Each structure stands twice: as C-alpha cells, then as structure tokens.
Amino acid sequence: MAGWRYFDTPRNVNANTMLLMTDGSVLVHTDGHRDRDWYRLTPDEAGRYHTGRWSRALPMAAGRLYFASGVLADGRVYAVGGEFVHAGGPAHNKQARGEIFDLRTGNWHPMHKPSPRYDFVARDCSSMVLADGRVLFAGPNGRRTAIWDPVKKPHWRRAGRGHPAGAQTKQGKCDEETWTLLPSGNVLTVQLDRTDTRNAEQYVPSIDKWVSAGHTTQNLVAREIMGWYSGEIGPAILLPSGKVIAIGGTGRTEIYTPDPDPEQPGTWAPGPPMPADPGPYSPEGAGYLTALDAPAVLLPSGKVICTGGPTREKKTDGGDTEYWSGPTQFLAYDPASTAVELQPLANQPRHHDGDTSSACLLLLPNGHVLYSCRRNTLGEYAPDRADLAAQASWRPRISTCPASLARGHTATITGVRFNGMSQANSYGDDFQSPTNFPLVRLTRGAGTVRYLRTFGFSSMGVATGSTEVTTEVEVPTDLPAGRWNLAVVANGIASPTRKVEIA
C-alpha cells in the first residue's frame, strides 16, 4: 500500500533543492540565499534512503536560492545564478557566477563564464542539458539565450540565432519559464509574456532556432491576482507516450502532442484541471486550486504526481501582499484515466499551514519520491506496487556488459533506453533536477544493494528508443569481490539483470 515515511536531515538543516547523483546518492541544498551548504545522502546497504548516511557539509563559494542546476554528461553538477545570492564582489559577479560539483572529490569549483556578454545568464535563470551534452541557458529578463559547452572551446556562445547567426528568434520573454526536453531533442516552453500567455515555443538545436510550438487552448499563466502580477506557471512533464502534460499556475492543464516534424508546432488540447477552490483569490476566476510555482514527478507506471493548493494571501517582510498556493495538496494525473479533474493522492503527507506548493520532488532509483519543503524533515513517498511497475517497452536493456569488473577500474556498458522515457522531474526556473541518465545498481544476497558511479554518457536525450547508448561505470576498490547481479536504472525503472564477477 502506498504511504509516507519521514526522516530528519543532519544538524536540523532545512532542505530545499535536491539532485540525484550518478552514484545513486542525493545532493541536498540547505534553504536560504546565505547558506552555501549542501549535504549528500547515500542509501544504506539495502538501498534505503530514510536510513541512509549523510555526509559532512559540502559548501559552495556563494550562497544562492532559486538557481539553474543539472547533471552533466560527465557526471558533474552545475549551479548557476540565483534569484537571491550572497557572495562577495560586484553585484553582477554575484549574480552571474556559477559553480560545478565534482562527485569524485566532493568539492565545488568555479564555473568560468565570459563577462559581461553573458551576464544575462543570472538570477533565477532557466537551463536545460541538451541531448548532445551542451547546456541551454536563458536569463530572467529579455529573450536572450546561450549555449554552454562543458567540453569544447569556445565554451560559450549565443543561442537561438540560426546558422549562420542572425537575429534572435525567441519571441517570448524567458522569465519564469518551464522548459521540457522532448524526444526530438527540442526544448518546449509556454510563453509568459503579459500580452500573449497562450503562445508556446520550442528550441530546435539542429538549426539553432526558436520556433512556434502552437498555442494552448487555455491560459496556463497566472497573471494578475487581486491586482498583483504573478506571472507564475507550474511544471510540465514528458509522458512515456511522447506527449507532455503542462500544469498551469491557473490550475488548468494542457496536453501537448509534438508534430513528427521537429520544426512544426504540434498541437495542444485541454487536460483535466485541478479540483475546485471555493476561495476568493483564484486567478481569472477560474475557480481551481493553483500551482503557483510547484513541482511534478513521473512515477515508473507513467502516472504523474504534482502539488497545488488554494490561492491565498501572503504578507512579505516588507508588508506587501502576494498570492501563493497553499497549504500543499498532492494530486495525481493518470493518462489512462477518464477522470475530469486531477485526483487527490490517497495518502497525503503531513504538512503545516505555513507550507506552499513551492516544494521539491525528486524521483529516486527505487521508484520512491523524495519531498522537501524547506524544513528539517524529508518525506519519502513509497508508491503502491502498481505504480512501481513499468511497461516492458519502457525498461532499459543491456546489450553489452563485461562479465568481470575489476575493482579500481572503469568499464563500458551499452544498451537501449538508458536515459529513460522522460526527465521525470519538473518545476520550472527555480528547481531543476532531471534524472534522464543511467545508474548502475548491484544486488546480491539478502537484499544487499550498491550503486556504482556512472559518467561519460553518450546521450543526454530522453526516450531514445532503439538507439544504443553507452555509459562508463567506476568500480570502487571497497566493493566486496564475488558474484553480483547488475542492472541499469533510469527514472526508477530497472533493466533485466546481468550476472557479473567483481574481481
């Protein structure tokens, strides 16, 4: 039966951003723009996270809150910008600088970015790791986008200008956008301009242009609420079917179907809205619960869990009035269901009236979901057996794997669907934590579990189908020798196992 368990963070740390590492551990950022610290949660020998091991603090040079982040093809992690940043130096340096975390050393290192040409990649910027391993960035102001290549020089260049470079092709402002990676390699977003909030765009890497992705049939962007401009939207999740569910700040949802031609717009259709909100603050009088900055996660079964809440007033420290969604309610979307609205999750986590829907959800390799909401307790949702079961055609499959793995060395594993059917996690510009990369899990005996560090991914795409991809795997020196069962895991879905000898 599905249910929640709770466990404490170290030293009463209030947990915020969470990122899955390529060795199965979770990097957890502490809440607050003055707090530089991250902590790493490693599952125990049975693969359980609630009884896992916490690391010492892993501090960045700058404290930051609401920033761009992601996992690179070489296994490193980047953190760029921050809506709120605390660091020394000139203001533009505080906003523009980025840092890179190396799992092997446990340290953060400076990420060098030319200045001032790319200073627009700052504050609560958006980012997306493209299928070829490059990273697309956008700043919160204007329409400028940029590409960062972690490997090839020059590392930075302007994006969205075509070949040869011409005028900027992005039509909508990048502020608060939610980006979703499609199987074609395109990046989908709904435009947040005040003048046209139903317009959608997609970035096409092959031609370096932003092109139309059509128009939503309903407004997903919460514009003015009681005279206060919100401009917020919810998450957007790629489904195993290849469609996308976009969850609006207004509480409405839309289903996007890409066109077979990646340069064509695709189509939008209404999806089931959130349940009714009888309160007085519903955006545009829509009358639904809202997702004004909110997460969503894709379960192995193909269902989506998201958060929302009634729209309510919130006073800022300066005495101004804002409007946010809360207290948190967990809702589910089932693509196979005919339900006319999103359904409340049967088991709701415990929460407090101070909560808003602006929390973090992270899909774990065991198919469970980790939940942080700026408190010193994490929630772990264990879905029921049906929601842990994936269709056979979604499972990774190993093509080649050495029969013997030597401790202290690396090996190459090849197969299909190593990147999963989706990035599986979505929030928007504030929290970015995709999991579309392969993990290697070893099991043996009475439930002994070990994850090995992976890196060198040949693709960072999604739903790669029958295209073979590769990953490098590092075999640690402390791994006990003997026979193990090896599986590749992507988005909480494991491949059939292979027997390997650890020597």
Protein backbone atom coordinates (compact mmCIF):
# COMPACT_ATOMS: atom_id res chain seq x y z
CA MET A 1 0.00 0.00 0.00
CA ALA A 2 1.26 3.48 -0.85
CA GLY A 3 2.38 5.63 2.05
CA TRP A 4 4.78 8.20 3.50
CA ARG A 5 7.69 7.97 5.89
CA TYR A 6 9.70 10.84 7.33
CA PHE A 7 13.28 11.27 8.43
CA ASP A 8 15.41 14.10 9.71
CA THR A 9 18.17 15.97 7.93
CA PRO A 10 21.55 16.43 9.66
CA ARG A 11 22.00 19.22 12.19
CA ASN A 12 18.42 20.47 11.72
CA VAL A 13 19.20 21.57 8.16
CA ASN A 14 16.18 22.92 6.27
CA ALA A 15 16.23 21.03 2.97
CA ASN A 16 15.46 22.69 -0.35
CA THR A 17 16.85 21.77 -3.81
CA MET A 18 17.59 18.05 -4.32
CA LEU A 19 19.62 16.50 -7.13
CA LEU A 20 20.09 12.81 -7.88
CA MET A 21 23.77 11.94 -8.35
CA THR A 22 25.07 9.33 -10.77
CA ASP A 23 26.07 7.02 -7.90
CA GLY A 24 22.52 6.90 -6.52
CA SER A 25 23.15 9.43 -3.76
CA VAL A 26 21.14 12.65 -3.38
CA LEU A 27 22.67 16.11 -3.10
CA VAL A 28 20.50 18.27 -0.80
CA HIS A 29 20.84 22.06 -0.63
CA THR A 30 20.05 23.93 2.55
CA ASP A 31 17.39 26.62 2.38
CA GLY A 32 18.27 30.31 2.24
CA HIS A 33 20.34 32.53 -0.03
CA ARG A 34 23.01 32.97 2.63
CA ASP A 35 23.51 29.26 3.07
CA ARG A 36 26.25 27.74 0.91
CA ASP A 37 25.98 24.20 2.21
CA TRP A 38 24.91 21.01 0.53
CA TYR A 39 24.73 17.57 2.12
CA ARG A 40 24.92 14.24 0.37
CA LEU A 41 22.53 11.43 1.31
CA THR A 42 23.81 7.95 0.39
CA PRO A 43 21.42 4.97 0.60
CA ASP A 44 22.22 2.23 3.09
CA GLU A 45 23.36 -1.28 2.15
CA ALA A 46 19.77 -2.27 1.44
CA GLY A 47 19.25 0.70 -0.92
CA ARG A 48 17.02 2.56 1.57
CA TYR A 49 17.23 6.34 1.77
CA HIS A 50 15.42 7.02 5.05
CA THR A 51 18.14 5.11 6.90
CA GLY A 52 20.95 6.31 4.63
CA ARG A 53 24.19 8.08 5.52
CA TRP A 54 24.61 11.86 5.48
CA SER A 55 27.91 13.46 4.51
CA ARG A 56 29.62 16.43 6.06
CA ALA A 57 28.69 19.86 4.69
CA LEU A 58 29.77 20.44 1.08
CA PRO A 59 29.86 24.26 0.77
CA MET A 60 29.75 26.36 -2.37
CA ALA A 61 31.65 29.63 -2.57
CA ALA A 62 28.36 31.53 -2.87
CA GLY A 63 25.07 31.12 -1.10
CA ARG A 64 22.22 31.07 -3.61
CA LEU A 65 18.49 30.39 -3.75
CA TYR A 66 16.36 29.57 -6.83
CA PHE A 67 19.05 28.86 -9.43
CA ALA A 68 19.71 26.79 -12.55
CA SER A 69 21.09 23.29 -11.96
CA GLY A 70 21.58 19.93 -13.63
CA VAL A 71 23.75 16.85 -14.12
CA LEU A 72 26.23 16.89 -16.98
CA ALA A 73 27.20 14.02 -19.28
CA ASP A 74 30.47 13.59 -17.37
CA GLY A 75 28.57 13.18 -14.09
CA ARG A 76 29.39 16.60 -12.64
CA VAL A 77 26.72 19.02 -11.37
CA TYR A 78 26.36 22.73 -12.13
CA ALA A 79 24.64 25.51 -10.17
CA VAL A 80 24.33 28.88 -11.91
CA GLY A 81 22.83 32.21 -10.84
CA GLY A 82 20.32 32.61 -8.06
CA GLU A 83 17.28 34.79 -7.57
CA PHE A 84 18.87 35.57 -4.20
CA VAL A 85 22.66 35.37 -3.92
CA HIS A 86 25.02 36.06 -1.05
CA ALA A 87 28.66 36.44 -2.04
CA GLY A 88 31.42 39.00 -2.12
CA GLY A 89 32.37 41.10 -5.13
CA PRO A 90 30.49 43.34 -7.55
CA ALA A 91 26.77 42.78 -7.91
CA HIS A 92 26.95 41.39 -11.46
CA ASN A 93 29.56 38.85 -10.37
CA LYS A 94 27.34 37.74 -7.50
CA GLN A 95 24.50 37.04 -9.90
CA ALA A 96 26.40 35.68 -12.87
CA ARG A 97 28.90 33.30 -11.35
CA GLY A 98 28.33 29.58 -11.37
CA GLU A 99 29.91 26.57 -9.70
CA ILE A 100 30.48 22.91 -10.57
CA PHE A 101 30.37 19.98 -8.14
CA ASP A 102 32.66 17.00 -8.68
CA LEU A 103 31.31 13.83 -7.12
CA ARG A 104 34.78 12.27 -7.03
CA THR A 105 36.26 14.94 -4.75
CA GLY A 106 33.14 16.24 -3.01
CA ASN A 107 34.16 19.82 -3.85
CA TRP A 108 32.64 22.77 -5.72
CA HIS A 109 34.78 24.62 -8.28
CA PRO A 110 34.28 27.94 -10.11
CA MET A 111 32.48 27.82 -13.45
CA HIS A 112 34.04 30.41 -15.73
CA LYS A 113 31.67 32.46 -17.82
CA PRO A 114 32.67 35.42 -20.03
CA SER A 115 31.53 38.73 -18.64
CA PRO A 116 29.66 40.96 -19.36
CA ARG A 117 28.49 39.38 -22.64
CA TYR A 118 26.75 36.54 -20.82
CA ASP A 119 25.77 38.29 -17.62
CA PHE A 120 22.11 37.85 -18.58
CA VAL A 121 22.56 34.19 -17.52
CA ALA A 122 21.98 35.10 -13.89
CA ARG A 123 19.39 35.38 -11.13
CA ASP A 124 16.65 32.71 -11.44
CA CYS A 125 17.79 31.66 -14.90
CA SER A 126 16.45 28.61 -16.74
CA SER A 127 18.64 25.80 -18.06
CA MET A 128 18.39 22.52 -19.94
CA VAL A 129 21.03 19.87 -20.65
CA LEU A 130 20.56 19.08 -24.34
CA ALA A 131 20.80 15.59 -25.83
CA ASP A 132 24.37 16.25 -27.03
CA GLY A 133 25.53 17.31 -23.55
CA ARG A 134 25.60 21.06 -24.11
CA VAL A 135 23.52 23.26 -21.82
CA LEU A 136 20.94 25.81 -22.94
CA PHE A 137 20.57 28.83 -20.62
CA ALA A 138 18.25 31.84 -20.51
CA GLY A 139 18.24 34.81 -18.20
CA PRO A 140 15.06 36.01 -16.45
CA ASN A 141 14.92 39.27 -18.39
CA GLY A 142 14.53 39.55 -22.14
CA ARG A 143 14.69 36.94 -24.87
CA ARG A 144 18.38 36.13 -24.98
CA THR A 145 19.55 32.53 -24.69
CA ALA A 146 23.02 31.00 -24.61
CA ILE A 147 24.73 27.64 -25.07
CA TRP A 148 27.44 26.41 -22.70
CA ASP A 149 29.59 23.52 -23.91
CA PRO A 150 31.41 21.93 -20.94
CA VAL A 151 33.89 20.21 -23.29
CA LYS A 152 34.62 22.17 -26.46
CA LYS A 153 36.03 25.66 -26.82
CA PRO A 154 34.83 28.31 -27.09
CA HIS A 155 32.66 27.15 -24.20
CA TRP A 156 30.01 29.87 -24.55
CA ARG A 157 28.06 31.26 -27.48
CA ARG A 158 24.75 32.97 -28.07
CA ALA A 159 21.85 30.64 -28.96
CA GLY A 160 18.64 30.91 -30.96
CA ARG A 161 20.11 32.89 -33.86
CA GLY A 162 20.28 30.20 -36.54
CA HIS A 163 23.05 29.13 -38.91
CA PRO A 164 24.62 31.43 -39.95
CA ALA A 165 23.91 33.63 -36.96
CA GLY A 166 21.19 36.19 -37.49
CA ALA A 167 18.57 37.90 -35.35
CA GLN A 168 17.30 36.48 -32.06
CA THR A 169 14.42 34.09 -32.83
CA LYS A 170 12.87 33.73 -29.40
CA GLN A 171 9.56 35.57 -29.23
CA GLY A 172 8.57 35.34 -25.57
CA LYS A 173 10.46 36.58 -22.55
CA CYS A 174 12.33 33.90 -20.65
CA ASP A 175 11.19 34.99 -17.18
CA GLU A 176 9.72 32.15 -15.05
CA GLU A 177 9.50 29.72 -17.98
CA THR A 178 9.23 25.97 -17.51
CA TRP A 179 11.38 24.03 -20.02
CA THR A 180 10.77 20.41 -21.04
CA LEU A 181 13.10 18.21 -23.11
CA LEU A 182 11.32 16.31 -25.90
CA PRO A 183 12.35 13.02 -27.61
CA SER A 184 13.24 15.04 -30.72
CA GLY A 185 15.85 16.93 -28.70
CA ASN A 186 13.75 20.11 -28.78
CA VAL A 187 13.09 22.18 -25.67
CA LEU A 188 9.41 23.09 -25.14
CA THR A 189 8.11 26.09 -23.19
CA VAL A 190 4.94 28.12 -22.77
CA GLN A 191 5.48 31.83 -23.23
CA LEU A 192 4.98 34.03 -20.17
CA ASP A 193 4.60 37.44 -21.81
CA ARG A 194 1.82 39.54 -20.32
CA THR A 195 0.47 40.17 -23.82
CA ASP A 196 0.24 36.56 -25.06
CA THR A 197 0.35 33.88 -22.38
CA ARG A 198 -1.03 31.12 -24.63
CA ASN A 199 1.85 31.13 -27.08
CA ALA A 200 4.30 28.21 -26.89
CA GLU A 201 7.79 27.90 -28.35
CA GLN A 202 10.42 25.23 -28.82
CA TYR A 203 14.16 25.45 -29.28
CA VAL A 204 15.44 23.29 -32.14
CA PRO A 205 19.16 22.57 -31.54
CA SER A 206 19.78 21.25 -35.07
CA ILE A 207 19.00 24.65 -36.61
CA ASP A 208 19.75 26.77 -33.51
CA LYS A 209 16.36 28.47 -33.65
CA TRP A 210 13.31 29.01 -31.51
CA VAL A 211 10.18 28.13 -33.49
CA SER A 212 6.48 28.06 -32.73
CA ALA A 213 5.01 25.24 -30.65
CA GLY A 214 1.47 26.44 -31.28
CA HIS A 215 -0.97 27.96 -28.80
CA THR A 216 -2.51 26.44 -25.70
CA THR A 217 -6.30 26.39 -25.73
CA GLN A 218 -6.45 27.83 -22.19
CA ASN A 219 -4.33 30.24 -20.25
CA LEU A 220 -1.81 28.40 -18.06
CA VAL A 221 -0.06 31.50 -16.72
CA ALA A 222 -1.47 33.11 -13.58
CA ARG A 223 -1.37 36.77 -14.45
CA GLU A 224 -2.97 39.27 -12.08
CA ILE A 225 -4.41 38.14 -8.75
CA MET A 226 -6.27 40.91 -6.93
CA GLY A 227 -4.19 43.46 -8.85
CA TRP A 228 -0.84 41.74 -8.05
CA TYR A 229 1.03 40.43 -11.09
CA SER A 230 2.05 36.83 -10.51
CA GLY A 231 3.35 35.54 -13.86
CA GLU A 232 3.75 32.04 -12.41
CA ILE A 233 3.23 28.70 -14.12
CA GLY A 234 3.51 25.12 -12.94
CA PRO A 235 5.58 22.11 -14.08
CA ALA A 236 5.48 20.27 -17.41
CA ILE A 237 6.26 16.54 -17.65
CA LEU A 238 7.04 14.45 -20.72
CA LEU A 239 4.91 11.30 -20.59
CA PRO A 240 6.02 7.87 -21.90
CA SER A 241 3.53 8.34 -24.75
CA GLY A 242 5.64 11.23 -26.06
CA LYS A 243 3.00 13.78 -25.04
CA VAL A 244 3.54 16.48 -22.40
CA ILE A 245 1.23 17.49 -19.58
CA ALA A 246 1.70 21.17 -18.72
CA ILE A 247 0.21 22.15 -15.35
CA GLY A 248 -0.75 25.80 -15.17
CA GLY A 249 -0.43 28.33 -12.42
CA THR A 250 -4.14 28.87 -13.05
CA GLY A 251 -4.96 25.27 -12.10
CA ARG A 252 -5.77 24.36 -15.70
CA THR A 253 -3.74 21.76 -17.58
CA GLU A 254 -2.96 21.21 -21.26
CA ILE A 255 -1.72 18.15 -23.17
CA TYR A 256 0.86 18.83 -25.90
CA THR A 257 1.38 16.45 -28.81
CA PRO A 258 4.60 17.12 -30.78
CA ASP A 259 4.50 17.06 -34.57
CA PRO A 260 6.62 14.33 -36.23
CA ASP A 261 8.50 17.18 -37.91
CA PRO A 262 10.51 18.80 -35.07
CA GLU A 263 10.27 22.22 -36.74
CA GLN A 264 6.45 22.17 -36.83
CA PRO A 265 4.27 23.50 -33.98
CA GLY A 266 2.48 20.42 -32.64
CA THR A 267 -0.98 20.62 -31.04
CA TRP A 268 -2.50 21.44 -27.64
CA ALA A 269 -5.67 20.12 -26.02
CA PRO A 270 -7.28 20.73 -22.60
CA GLY A 271 -6.32 18.31 -19.84
CA PRO A 272 -8.11 17.66 -16.55
CA PRO A 273 -7.92 20.70 -14.25
CA MET A 274 -7.11 20.72 -10.55
CA PRO A 275 -10.01 20.35 -8.09
CA ALA A 276 -12.19 23.35 -7.26
CA ASP A 277 -11.04 26.16 -4.99
CA PRO A 278 -14.01 28.00 -3.45
CA GLY A 279 -11.80 30.81 -2.17
CA PRO A 280 -11.87 34.42 -3.43
CA TYR A 281 -8.37 34.60 -4.96
CA SER A 282 -8.48 32.11 -7.83
CA PRO A 283 -6.66 33.64 -10.86
CA GLU A 284 -9.06 34.92 -13.53
CA GLY A 285 -11.95 33.50 -11.54
CA ALA A 286 -11.11 30.03 -12.85
CA GLY A 287 -12.11 28.50 -9.52
CA TYR A 288 -9.40 25.82 -9.31
CA LEU A 289 -6.60 25.00 -6.94
CA THR A 290 -3.42 26.54 -8.36
CA ALA A 291 0.22 25.59 -8.92
CA LEU A 292 1.94 28.96 -8.47
CA ASP A 293 5.49 27.59 -8.64
CA ALA A 294 5.10 23.88 -7.98
CA PRO A 295 6.77 20.52 -8.77
CA ALA A 296 5.72 17.33 -10.51
CA VAL A 297 7.29 13.89 -10.85
CA LEU A 298 6.70 10.93 -13.18
CA LEU A 299 6.23 7.55 -11.48
CA PRO A 300 7.51 4.34 -13.13
CA SER A 301 3.90 3.43 -14.03
CA GLY A 302 3.52 6.60 -16.13
CA LYS A 303 1.33 8.44 -13.61
CA VAL A 304 2.26 11.97 -12.56
CA ILE A 305 2.25 13.35 -9.02
CA CYS A 306 2.08 17.11 -8.60
CA THR A 307 1.28 19.65 -5.90
CA GLY A 308 -1.18 22.50 -5.72
CA GLY A 309 -3.29 24.36 -3.23
CA PRO A 310 -5.89 27.04 -2.73
CA THR A 311 -4.70 30.52 -3.64
CA ARG A 312 -4.17 32.61 -0.55
CA GLU A 313 -2.68 35.88 0.64
CA LYS A 314 0.86 36.08 1.93
CA LYS A 315 2.43 39.14 3.50
CA THR A 316 6.08 39.80 2.66
CA ASP A 317 8.59 41.05 5.23
CA GLY A 318 8.11 44.49 3.73
CA GLY A 319 4.35 44.37 4.29
CA ASP A 320 3.36 43.84 0.65
CA THR A 321 0.67 41.35 -0.31
CA GLU A 322 1.44 38.43 -2.60
CA TYR A 323 -0.56 35.35 -3.54
CA TRP A 324 0.67 31.75 -3.49
CA SER A 325 -0.76 28.22 -3.47
CA GLY A 326 -1.12 26.52 -0.11
CA PRO A 327 -1.38 24.62 2.07
CA THR A 328 0.03 21.86 -0.10
CA GLN A 329 -2.19 19.21 -1.61
CA PHE A 330 -0.77 16.26 -3.57
CA LEU A 331 -2.62 15.37 -6.75
CA ALA A 332 -2.24 12.63 -9.37
CA TYR A 333 -2.68 12.54 -13.14
CA ASP A 334 -3.25 9.18 -14.78
CA PRO A 335 -3.04 9.30 -18.61
CA ALA A 336 -5.20 6.17 -18.77
CA SER A 337 -7.96 7.63 -16.60
CA THR A 338 -11.10 9.39 -17.80
CA ALA A 339 -11.33 11.47 -14.60
CA VAL A 340 -12.49 15.03 -15.29
CA GLU A 341 -10.02 16.54 -12.82
CA LEU A 342 -6.72 15.68 -11.16
CA GLN A 343 -7.30 13.30 -8.30
CA PRO A 344 -6.09 13.89 -4.71
CA LEU A 345 -3.41 11.42 -3.71
CA ALA A 346 -4.98 8.81 -1.43
CA ASN A 347 -2.22 9.29 1.16
CA GLN A 348 -1.41 12.95 1.75
CA PRO A 349 1.85 13.85 3.51
CA ARG A 350 1.70 15.68 6.78
CA HIS A 351 2.15 19.41 6.33
CA HIS A 352 1.69 22.69 8.14
CA ASP A 353 -0.43 25.70 7.33
CA GLY A 354 2.73 27.64 6.50
CA ASP A 355 3.50 25.31 3.59
CA THR A 356 3.11 26.39 -0.01
CA SER A 357 3.10 24.18 -3.08
CA SER A 358 6.61 25.51 -3.91
CA ALA A 359 8.34 22.36 -2.70
CA CYS A 360 10.79 19.93 -4.32
CA LEU A 361 10.01 16.43 -5.53
CA LEU A 362 12.72 14.00 -6.67
CA LEU A 363 12.26 10.56 -8.22
CA LEU A 364 14.63 8.06 -6.58
CA PRO A 365 16.16 5.00 -8.28
CA ASN A 366 13.86 2.69 -6.31
CA GLY A 367 10.78 4.46 -7.74
CA HIS A 368 10.04 6.30 -4.49
CA VAL A 369 9.65 10.09 -4.36
CA LEU A 370 11.61 12.36 -2.03
CA TYR A 371 9.82 15.50 -0.79
CA SER A 372 11.47 18.60 0.70
CA CYS A 373 9.69 21.80 1.76
CA ARG A 374 12.34 23.94 3.48
CA ARG A 375 12.09 22.02 6.74
CA ASN A 376 14.47 19.77 8.66
CA THR A 377 12.43 16.70 7.76
CA LEU A 378 12.26 14.93 4.41
CA GLY A 379 9.26 12.93 3.28
CA GLU A 380 9.61 9.75 1.22
CA TYR A 381 6.59 8.53 -0.72
CA ALA A 382 6.51 4.80 -1.49
CA PRO A 383 4.03 4.17 -4.34
CA ASP A 384 1.97 1.00 -4.36
CA ARG A 385 3.09 -1.98 -6.39
CA ALA A 386 1.08 -0.96 -9.47
CA ASP A 387 2.76 2.46 -9.64
CA LEU A 388 6.22 0.90 -9.28
CA ALA A 389 5.60 -1.34 -12.28
CA ALA A 390 6.67 -0.06 -15.70
CA GLN A 391 5.69 -1.37 -19.09
CA ALA A 392 8.26 -3.74 -20.55
CA SER A 393 8.86 -1.42 -23.52
CA TRP A 394 9.98 1.36 -21.15
CA ARG A 395 12.64 -0.69 -19.36
CA PRO A 396 16.35 -0.19 -20.10
CA ARG A 397 18.01 -3.18 -21.71
CA ILE A 398 21.69 -4.04 -21.55
CA SER A 399 23.32 -5.04 -24.84
CA THR A 400 26.95 -5.44 -23.77
CA CYS A 401 28.48 -5.58 -20.31
CA PRO A 402 31.77 -7.17 -19.20
CA ALA A 403 31.27 -10.43 -17.34
CA SER A 404 34.02 -9.41 -14.92
CA LEU A 405 34.55 -5.96 -13.39
CA ALA A 406 37.87 -5.10 -11.78
CA ARG A 407 37.90 -3.02 -8.61
CA GLY A 408 39.64 0.32 -9.06
CA HIS A 409 38.93 0.35 -12.81
CA THR A 410 36.18 1.53 -15.14
CA ALA A 411 34.13 -0.39 -17.67
CA THR A 412 31.76 0.43 -20.54
CA ILE A 413 28.14 -0.72 -20.65
CA THR A 414 25.98 -0.42 -23.78
CA GLY A 415 22.25 -0.70 -24.19
CA VAL A 416 18.96 0.98 -25.04
CA ARG A 417 16.64 3.28 -23.08
CA PHE A 418 19.44 4.12 -20.66
CA ASN A 419 18.14 7.70 -20.42
CA GLY A 420 14.58 6.80 -19.50
CA MET A 421 11.34 7.90 -21.09
CA SER A 422 11.42 11.40 -19.58
CA GLN A 423 13.43 13.75 -17.40
CA ALA A 424 10.88 12.61 -14.78
CA ASN A 425 11.11 15.74 -12.58
CA SER A 426 9.87 19.25 -13.38
CA TYR A 427 9.42 22.52 -11.59
CA GLY A 428 10.49 25.42 -13.76
CA ASP A 429 13.20 28.00 -13.41
CA ASP A 430 13.60 27.68 -9.63
CA PHE A 431 14.39 23.97 -9.18
CA GLN A 432 15.81 21.80 -11.99
CA SER A 433 16.61 18.18 -11.15
CA PRO A 434 16.21 15.87 -14.18
CA THR A 435 17.11 12.18 -13.84
CA ASN A 436 17.44 11.14 -17.50
CA PHE A 437 20.76 9.34 -17.11
CA PRO A 438 21.70 5.71 -16.34
CA LEU A 439 22.54 4.43 -12.87
CA VAL A 440 24.22 1.07 -12.32
CA ARG A 441 22.86 -0.96 -9.41
CA LEU A 442 24.44 -4.12 -8.00
CA THR A 443 22.46 -6.52 -5.79
CA ARG A 444 23.23 -9.82 -4.13
CA GLY A 445 22.35 -11.98 -1.15
CA ALA A 446 19.68 -10.89 1.29
CA GLY A 447 18.94 -7.50 -0.24
CA THR A 448 22.45 -6.02 -0.41
CA VAL A 449 22.45 -3.03 -2.78
CA ARG A 450 25.30 -0.90 -4.15
CA TYR A 451 25.20 1.86 -6.75
CA LEU A 452 28.30 2.49 -8.84
CA ARG A 453 29.24 5.92 -10.15
CA THR A 454 28.39 6.37 -13.83
CA PHE A 455 29.70 9.03 -16.21
CA GLY A 456 30.61 9.61 -19.85
CA PHE A 457 27.04 9.29 -21.13
CA SER A 458 26.90 9.15 -24.92
CA SER A 459 23.48 10.82 -24.86
CA MET A 460 21.57 13.11 -22.52
CA GLY A 461 18.37 12.76 -24.53
CA VAL A 462 15.07 11.22 -23.47
CA ALA A 463 13.06 8.33 -24.90
CA THR A 464 15.98 7.31 -27.12
CA GLY A 465 14.15 4.16 -28.26
CA SER A 466 16.25 1.54 -30.03
CA THR A 467 19.29 3.80 -30.36
CA GLU A 468 22.16 2.26 -28.42
CA VAL A 469 23.81 4.48 -25.84
CA THR A 470 26.79 3.91 -23.58
CA THR A 471 27.86 4.75 -20.07
CA GLU A 472 31.13 4.38 -18.23
CA VAL A 473 30.96 2.86 -14.76
CA GLU A 474 33.54 3.10 -11.99
CA VAL A 475 34.10 0.06 -9.77
CA PRO A 476 35.22 1.20 -6.29
CA THR A 477 38.10 -0.51 -4.52
CA ASP A 478 36.00 -1.21 -1.41
CA LEU A 479 33.34 -3.23 -3.28
CA PRO A 480 33.33 -6.82 -1.98
CA ALA A 481 34.53 -9.37 -4.52
CA GLY A 482 32.30 -12.13 -5.82
CA ARG A 483 29.13 -12.62 -7.85
CA TRP A 484 26.65 -9.75 -8.17
CA ASN A 485 23.54 -9.02 -10.22
CA LEU A 486 23.90 -5.85 -12.29
CA ALA A 487 21.05 -3.68 -13.59
CA VAL A 488 20.88 -0.32 -15.30
CA VAL A 489 18.26 2.01 -13.76
CA ALA A 490 16.70 5.07 -15.41
CA ASN A 491 13.82 7.09 -13.92
CA GLY A 492 13.29 4.45 -11.26
CA ILE A 493 12.91 1.67 -13.87
CA ALA A 494 15.45 -1.16 -13.83
CA SER A 495 16.69 -3.31 -16.71
CA PRO A 496 16.78 -7.10 -16.53
CA THR A 497 19.87 -8.08 -14.54
CA ARG A 498 23.19 -9.45 -15.73
CA LYS A 499 25.42 -11.63 -13.58
CA VAL A 500 28.89 -10.14 -13.15
CA GLU A 501 32.01 -11.10 -11.21
CA ILE A 502 33.69 -8.42 -9.13
CA ALA A 503 37.41 -9.18 -9.02
